[in-house]
Amino acid sequence: MSHAAIALCLLDELVEGQARGFDPLHTGRDSLFALRHSGEVRVYRNSCPHLDVRLEYRKDRFLSADGSRIVCYAHGAQFLPDSGLCVYGPCLGERLSALRWHLDDGWLVLEAGQLAACER
C-alpha cells in the first residue's frame, strides 16, 4: 500500500445491506461511509447535497430499515445505494459524492487525495 492511501477496513467487514462510517481525517466524526449493496461496494462522502449535513442519525445508521435506500435523517431525503441519486426529498435529482477506492490485499483502500472532498 502506498503512503498516499488510507485503508478503511477489510472488504469482508462490509455486510450486504449495511453501511459503515469512517473518520480517516481523525476529526471525531465520520466524514465518509461505505456500503455493500447487491454485491457491489460503494464509498460516499457523508454529506447530504441539500444542506451539507451528515446523513446518519447515529453511528453507522445510513440506510433505511430494509437496507434499500441511503437516508438523510435530517431531511428525509432518500438516495439509491448503487448510484447515490436522490429519488425522494428536497435534493431530488442530485447525487451523493462518490469516492474512488480499490482493493489492496483484501483491504478497502481510499486514495488520500480524495480526502480533501471530505473536509468541511
N, C-alpha and C. Protein backbone atom coordinates (compact mmCIF):
# COMPACT_ATOMS: atom_id res chain seq x y z
N MET A 1 0.84 -1.18 0.00
CA MET A 1 0.00 0.00 0.00
C MET A 1 0.89 1.24 0.00
N SER A 2 0.56 2.23 -0.81
CA SER A 2 1.36 3.44 -0.87
C SER A 2 1.05 4.35 0.31
N HIS A 3 1.96 5.33 0.54
CA HIS A 3 1.74 6.28 1.64
C HIS A 3 0.58 7.21 1.35
N ALA A 4 0.18 7.30 0.09
CA ALA A 4 -0.90 8.21 -0.29
C ALA A 4 -2.25 7.52 -0.29
N ALA A 5 -2.37 6.46 0.50
CA ALA A 5 -3.63 5.72 0.55
C ALA A 5 -4.03 5.48 2.00
N ILE A 6 -5.33 5.37 2.22
CA ILE A 6 -5.88 5.14 3.56
C ILE A 6 -6.68 3.83 3.52
N ALA A 7 -6.28 2.87 4.32
CA ALA A 7 -7.02 1.61 4.43
C ALA A 7 -8.19 1.82 5.37
N LEU A 8 -9.40 1.57 4.89
CA LEU A 8 -10.60 1.79 5.69
C LEU A 8 -10.98 0.55 6.50
N CYS A 9 -11.08 -0.59 5.84
CA CYS A 9 -11.44 -1.83 6.51
C CYS A 9 -11.18 -2.99 5.57
N LEU A 10 -11.23 -4.17 6.11
CA LEU A 10 -11.19 -5.35 5.25
C LEU A 10 -12.51 -5.42 4.48
N LEU A 11 -12.44 -5.76 3.23
CA LEU A 11 -13.65 -5.83 2.40
C LEU A 11 -14.69 -6.77 3.02
N ASP A 12 -14.25 -7.85 3.61
CA ASP A 12 -15.17 -8.82 4.22
C ASP A 12 -15.95 -8.25 5.40
N GLU A 13 -15.49 -7.12 5.95
CA GLU A 13 -16.18 -6.49 7.09
C GLU A 13 -17.41 -5.69 6.67
N LEU A 14 -17.56 -5.45 5.38
CA LEU A 14 -18.75 -4.76 4.88
C LEU A 14 -19.83 -5.79 4.59
N VAL A 15 -20.92 -5.70 5.32
CA VAL A 15 -22.01 -6.67 5.22
C VAL A 15 -23.06 -6.16 4.24
N GLU A 16 -23.57 -7.04 3.44
CA GLU A 16 -24.64 -6.70 2.49
C GLU A 16 -25.80 -6.03 3.22
N GLY A 17 -26.28 -4.91 2.67
CA GLY A 17 -27.43 -4.22 3.23
C GLY A 17 -27.13 -3.38 4.45
N GLN A 18 -25.86 -3.18 4.77
CA GLN A 18 -25.48 -2.32 5.89
C GLN A 18 -24.42 -1.34 5.42
N ALA A 19 -24.24 -0.25 6.17
CA ALA A 19 -23.23 0.74 5.86
C ALA A 19 -22.34 0.94 7.08
N ARG A 20 -21.16 1.46 6.82
CA ARG A 20 -20.21 1.68 7.91
C ARG A 20 -19.51 3.01 7.68
N GLY A 21 -19.50 3.86 8.71
CA GLY A 21 -18.86 5.16 8.62
C GLY A 21 -17.40 5.11 9.01
N PHE A 22 -16.62 6.07 8.47
CA PHE A 22 -15.19 6.13 8.74
C PHE A 22 -14.76 7.57 8.98
N ASP A 23 -13.74 7.73 9.79
CA ASP A 23 -13.18 9.04 10.14
C ASP A 23 -11.69 9.08 9.79
N PRO A 24 -11.35 9.03 8.50
CA PRO A 24 -9.94 9.00 8.13
C PRO A 24 -9.20 10.30 8.43
N LEU A 25 -9.92 11.38 8.64
CA LEU A 25 -9.29 12.67 8.94
C LEU A 25 -9.10 12.87 10.45
N HIS A 26 -9.59 11.93 11.25
CA HIS A 26 -9.48 11.97 12.71
C HIS A 26 -10.06 13.26 13.28
N THR A 27 -11.30 13.57 12.86
CA THR A 27 -11.99 14.77 13.32
C THR A 27 -13.01 14.47 14.42
N GLY A 28 -13.22 13.19 14.70
CA GLY A 28 -14.22 12.83 15.69
C GLY A 28 -15.60 12.61 15.11
N ARG A 29 -15.71 12.66 13.78
CA ARG A 29 -16.99 12.37 13.11
C ARG A 29 -16.69 11.66 11.79
N ASP A 30 -17.60 10.79 11.40
CA ASP A 30 -17.41 10.04 10.16
C ASP A 30 -17.64 10.95 8.96
N SER A 31 -16.60 11.16 8.18
CA SER A 31 -16.70 12.05 7.02
C SER A 31 -17.04 11.29 5.74
N LEU A 32 -17.01 9.95 5.80
CA LEU A 32 -17.40 9.14 4.64
C LEU A 32 -17.97 7.84 5.14
N PHE A 33 -18.62 7.13 4.24
CA PHE A 33 -19.16 5.82 4.60
C PHE A 33 -19.08 4.89 3.41
N ALA A 34 -19.05 3.61 3.72
CA ALA A 34 -19.01 2.57 2.69
C ALA A 34 -20.17 1.63 2.92
N LEU A 35 -20.63 1.03 1.85
CA LEU A 35 -21.72 0.07 1.94
C LEU A 35 -21.56 -0.99 0.87
N ARG A 36 -22.21 -2.11 1.11
CA ARG A 36 -22.29 -3.18 0.12
C ARG A 36 -23.77 -3.34 -0.20
N HIS A 37 -24.10 -3.20 -1.49
CA HIS A 37 -25.48 -3.30 -1.94
C HIS A 37 -25.50 -4.11 -3.23
N SER A 38 -26.30 -5.16 -3.27
CA SER A 38 -26.36 -6.06 -4.43
C SER A 38 -24.97 -6.56 -4.81
N GLY A 39 -24.16 -6.82 -3.80
CA GLY A 39 -22.83 -7.36 -4.02
C GLY A 39 -21.77 -6.34 -4.39
N GLU A 40 -22.16 -5.10 -4.65
CA GLU A 40 -21.23 -4.05 -5.05
C GLU A 40 -20.91 -3.14 -3.87
N VAL A 41 -19.67 -2.69 -3.79
CA VAL A 41 -19.24 -1.78 -2.73
C VAL A 41 -19.21 -0.36 -3.28
N ARG A 42 -19.71 0.57 -2.48
CA ARG A 42 -19.70 1.99 -2.81
C ARG A 42 -19.17 2.75 -1.61
N VAL A 43 -18.46 3.85 -1.88
CA VAL A 43 -17.98 4.74 -0.83
C VAL A 43 -18.46 6.13 -1.18
N TYR A 44 -19.09 6.80 -0.21
CA TYR A 44 -19.64 8.14 -0.41
C TYR A 44 -19.16 9.10 0.68
N ARG A 45 -19.10 10.35 0.32
CA ARG A 45 -18.87 11.41 1.30
C ARG A 45 -20.11 11.48 2.19
N ASN A 46 -19.93 11.65 3.48
CA ASN A 46 -21.05 11.70 4.42
C ASN A 46 -21.61 13.12 4.47
N SER A 47 -22.33 13.48 3.42
CA SER A 47 -22.88 14.82 3.33
C SER A 47 -24.09 14.82 2.40
N CYS A 48 -25.20 15.34 2.91
CA CYS A 48 -26.40 15.48 2.09
C CYS A 48 -26.21 16.66 1.15
N PRO A 49 -26.50 16.51 -0.14
CA PRO A 49 -26.34 17.63 -1.06
C PRO A 49 -27.31 18.77 -0.80
N HIS A 50 -28.33 18.54 0.01
CA HIS A 50 -29.31 19.58 0.30
C HIS A 50 -28.71 20.71 1.13
N LEU A 51 -28.17 20.39 2.31
CA LEU A 51 -27.61 21.43 3.18
C LEU A 51 -26.23 21.07 3.72
N ASP A 52 -25.54 20.12 3.10
CA ASP A 52 -24.21 19.70 3.52
C ASP A 52 -24.17 19.30 4.99
N VAL A 53 -25.15 18.50 5.41
CA VAL A 53 -25.17 17.96 6.76
C VAL A 53 -24.89 16.46 6.71
N ARG A 54 -24.44 15.91 7.83
CA ARG A 54 -24.20 14.48 7.90
C ARG A 54 -25.51 13.72 7.72
N LEU A 55 -25.41 12.53 7.16
CA LEU A 55 -26.60 11.74 6.83
C LEU A 55 -27.13 10.89 7.98
N GLU A 56 -26.25 10.28 8.77
CA GLU A 56 -26.67 9.29 9.75
C GLU A 56 -27.26 9.95 11.00
N TYR A 57 -28.17 9.21 11.65
CA TYR A 57 -28.74 9.71 12.89
C TYR A 57 -27.99 9.18 14.11
N ARG A 58 -27.22 8.10 13.93
CA ARG A 58 -26.29 7.61 14.94
C ARG A 58 -25.26 6.75 14.22
N LYS A 59 -24.23 6.36 14.91
CA LYS A 59 -23.11 5.65 14.31
C LYS A 59 -23.56 4.53 13.37
N ASP A 60 -23.10 4.61 12.14
CA ASP A 60 -23.31 3.60 11.10
C ASP A 60 -24.77 3.43 10.67
N ARG A 61 -25.65 4.37 10.97
CA ARG A 61 -27.06 4.29 10.57
C ARG A 61 -27.32 5.20 9.37
N PHE A 62 -26.92 4.72 8.20
CA PHE A 62 -27.07 5.47 6.96
C PHE A 62 -28.22 4.96 6.10
N LEU A 63 -28.67 3.74 6.35
CA LEU A 63 -29.63 3.09 5.47
C LEU A 63 -31.02 2.99 6.10
N SER A 64 -32.00 2.87 5.22
CA SER A 64 -33.36 2.61 5.67
C SER A 64 -33.39 1.26 6.39
N ALA A 65 -34.47 0.99 7.10
CA ALA A 65 -34.58 -0.24 7.89
C ALA A 65 -34.41 -1.49 7.03
N ASP A 66 -34.87 -1.45 5.79
CA ASP A 66 -34.75 -2.62 4.93
C ASP A 66 -33.46 -2.62 4.11
N GLY A 67 -32.62 -1.59 4.28
CA GLY A 67 -31.33 -1.52 3.59
C GLY A 67 -31.42 -1.14 2.13
N SER A 68 -32.59 -0.73 1.66
CA SER A 68 -32.76 -0.45 0.24
C SER A 68 -32.41 0.97 -0.18
N ARG A 69 -32.33 1.89 0.78
CA ARG A 69 -32.04 3.30 0.47
C ARG A 69 -31.08 3.89 1.50
N ILE A 70 -30.27 4.83 1.05
CA ILE A 70 -29.49 5.68 1.96
C ILE A 70 -30.43 6.81 2.35
N VAL A 71 -30.47 7.15 3.63
CA VAL A 71 -31.42 8.15 4.11
C VAL A 71 -30.68 9.28 4.82
N CYS A 72 -31.07 10.52 4.50
CA CYS A 72 -30.61 11.67 5.27
C CYS A 72 -31.63 11.86 6.38
N TYR A 73 -31.20 11.59 7.60
CA TYR A 73 -32.14 11.65 8.70
C TYR A 73 -32.49 13.07 9.11
N ALA A 74 -31.76 14.07 8.62
CA ALA A 74 -32.10 15.46 8.91
C ALA A 74 -33.26 15.95 8.05
N HIS A 75 -33.33 15.47 6.79
CA HIS A 75 -34.32 15.99 5.85
C HIS A 75 -35.25 14.94 5.25
N GLY A 76 -34.94 13.66 5.48
CA GLY A 76 -35.75 12.59 4.92
C GLY A 76 -35.44 12.27 3.47
N ALA A 77 -34.41 12.89 2.91
CA ALA A 77 -34.04 12.58 1.53
C ALA A 77 -33.63 11.11 1.45
N GLN A 78 -33.92 10.49 0.29
CA GLN A 78 -33.58 9.08 0.08
C GLN A 78 -32.76 8.96 -1.20
N PHE A 79 -31.71 8.16 -1.11
CA PHE A 79 -30.76 8.00 -2.21
C PHE A 79 -30.62 6.53 -2.57
N LEU A 80 -30.42 6.25 -3.85
CA LEU A 80 -30.18 4.88 -4.29
C LEU A 80 -28.76 4.48 -3.92
N PRO A 81 -28.58 3.33 -3.27
CA PRO A 81 -27.25 2.93 -2.84
C PRO A 81 -26.26 2.71 -3.98
N ASP A 82 -26.74 2.27 -5.13
CA ASP A 82 -25.82 1.95 -6.22
C ASP A 82 -25.32 3.17 -6.99
N SER A 83 -26.02 4.30 -6.90
CA SER A 83 -25.62 5.48 -7.67
C SER A 83 -25.53 6.76 -6.85
N GLY A 84 -26.11 6.76 -5.65
CA GLY A 84 -26.15 7.97 -4.83
C GLY A 84 -27.17 8.98 -5.29
N LEU A 85 -28.02 8.62 -6.25
CA LEU A 85 -29.03 9.52 -6.80
C LEU A 85 -30.16 9.72 -5.79
N CYS A 86 -30.54 10.98 -5.55
CA CYS A 86 -31.66 11.27 -4.67
C CYS A 86 -32.96 11.02 -5.43
N VAL A 87 -33.80 10.16 -4.88
CA VAL A 87 -35.07 9.82 -5.52
C VAL A 87 -36.28 10.30 -4.72
N TYR A 88 -36.01 10.91 -3.55
CA TYR A 88 -37.09 11.45 -2.74
C TYR A 88 -36.51 12.51 -1.80
N GLY A 89 -37.19 13.64 -1.71
CA GLY A 89 -36.78 14.66 -0.75
C GLY A 89 -36.36 15.97 -1.39
N PRO A 90 -35.80 16.87 -0.58
CA PRO A 90 -35.52 18.23 -1.04
C PRO A 90 -34.39 18.35 -2.05
N CYS A 91 -33.59 17.31 -2.23
CA CYS A 91 -32.49 17.40 -3.21
C CYS A 91 -32.72 16.42 -4.36
N LEU A 92 -33.98 16.21 -4.70
CA LEU A 92 -34.38 15.28 -5.77
C LEU A 92 -33.54 15.52 -7.02
N GLY A 93 -32.97 14.44 -7.55
CA GLY A 93 -32.17 14.51 -8.76
C GLY A 93 -30.70 14.79 -8.53
N GLU A 94 -30.32 15.22 -7.33
CA GLU A 94 -28.91 15.44 -7.02
C GLU A 94 -28.30 14.12 -6.56
N ARG A 95 -26.98 14.09 -6.40
CA ARG A 95 -26.29 12.86 -6.04
C ARG A 95 -25.36 13.07 -4.85
N LEU A 96 -25.16 11.99 -4.13
CA LEU A 96 -24.11 11.96 -3.12
C LEU A 96 -22.77 11.95 -3.84
N SER A 97 -21.74 12.46 -3.19
CA SER A 97 -20.40 12.47 -3.79
C SER A 97 -19.75 11.11 -3.57
N ALA A 98 -19.53 10.40 -4.68
CA ALA A 98 -18.89 9.09 -4.63
C ALA A 98 -17.38 9.26 -4.60
N LEU A 99 -16.71 8.35 -3.90
CA LEU A 99 -15.26 8.37 -3.81
C LEU A 99 -14.70 7.10 -4.43
N ARG A 100 -13.58 7.24 -5.14
CA ARG A 100 -12.94 6.07 -5.75
C ARG A 100 -12.18 5.28 -4.69
N TRP A 101 -12.20 3.98 -4.85
CA TRP A 101 -11.49 3.09 -3.94
C TRP A 101 -10.92 1.94 -4.74
N HIS A 102 -10.04 1.19 -4.12
CA HIS A 102 -9.53 -0.03 -4.74
C HIS A 102 -9.22 -1.05 -3.64
N LEU A 103 -9.01 -2.26 -4.04
CA LEU A 103 -8.65 -3.34 -3.12
C LEU A 103 -7.14 -3.48 -3.07
N ASP A 104 -6.61 -3.67 -1.87
CA ASP A 104 -5.19 -3.92 -1.69
C ASP A 104 -5.06 -5.02 -0.64
N ASP A 105 -4.78 -6.22 -1.09
CA ASP A 105 -4.61 -7.37 -0.19
C ASP A 105 -5.82 -7.57 0.72
N GLY A 106 -7.02 -7.41 0.14
CA GLY A 106 -8.26 -7.63 0.88
C GLY A 106 -8.78 -6.41 1.61
N TRP A 107 -8.04 -5.29 1.58
CA TRP A 107 -8.44 -4.05 2.26
C TRP A 107 -9.12 -3.09 1.29
N LEU A 108 -10.16 -2.44 1.76
CA LEU A 108 -10.81 -1.36 1.03
C LEU A 108 -9.96 -0.12 1.25
N VAL A 109 -9.40 0.42 0.17
CA VAL A 109 -8.42 1.50 0.27
C VAL A 109 -8.91 2.72 -0.50
N LEU A 110 -8.79 3.86 0.13
CA LEU A 110 -9.16 5.15 -0.46
C LEU A 110 -7.89 5.93 -0.73
N GLU A 111 -7.80 6.54 -1.90
CA GLU A 111 -6.65 7.39 -2.19
C GLU A 111 -6.71 8.64 -1.33
N ALA A 112 -5.60 8.98 -0.69
CA ALA A 112 -5.56 10.11 0.24
C ALA A 112 -5.94 11.43 -0.44
N GLY A 113 -5.66 11.57 -1.72
CA GLY A 113 -6.00 12.79 -2.44
C GLY A 113 -7.49 13.09 -2.45
N GLN A 114 -8.31 12.07 -2.25
CA GLN A 114 -9.76 12.28 -2.23
C GLN A 114 -10.26 12.76 -0.88
N LEU A 115 -9.43 12.72 0.14
CA LEU A 115 -9.86 13.12 1.48
C LEU A 115 -10.22 14.59 1.54
N ALA A 116 -9.63 15.40 0.68
CA ALA A 116 -9.96 16.83 0.67
C ALA A 116 -11.46 17.02 0.41
N ALA A 117 -12.05 16.12 -0.36
CA ALA A 117 -13.50 16.22 -0.64
C ALA A 117 -14.34 15.96 0.61
N CYS A 118 -13.74 15.36 1.62
CA CYS A 118 -14.47 15.03 2.84
C CYS A 118 -14.33 16.11 3.92
N GLU A 119 -13.44 17.06 3.71
CA GLU A 119 -13.26 18.13 4.70
C GLU A 119 -14.39 19.13 4.62
N ARG A 120 -14.71 19.73 5.75
CA ARG A 120 -15.73 20.79 5.76
C ARG A 120 -15.19 21.95 6.54
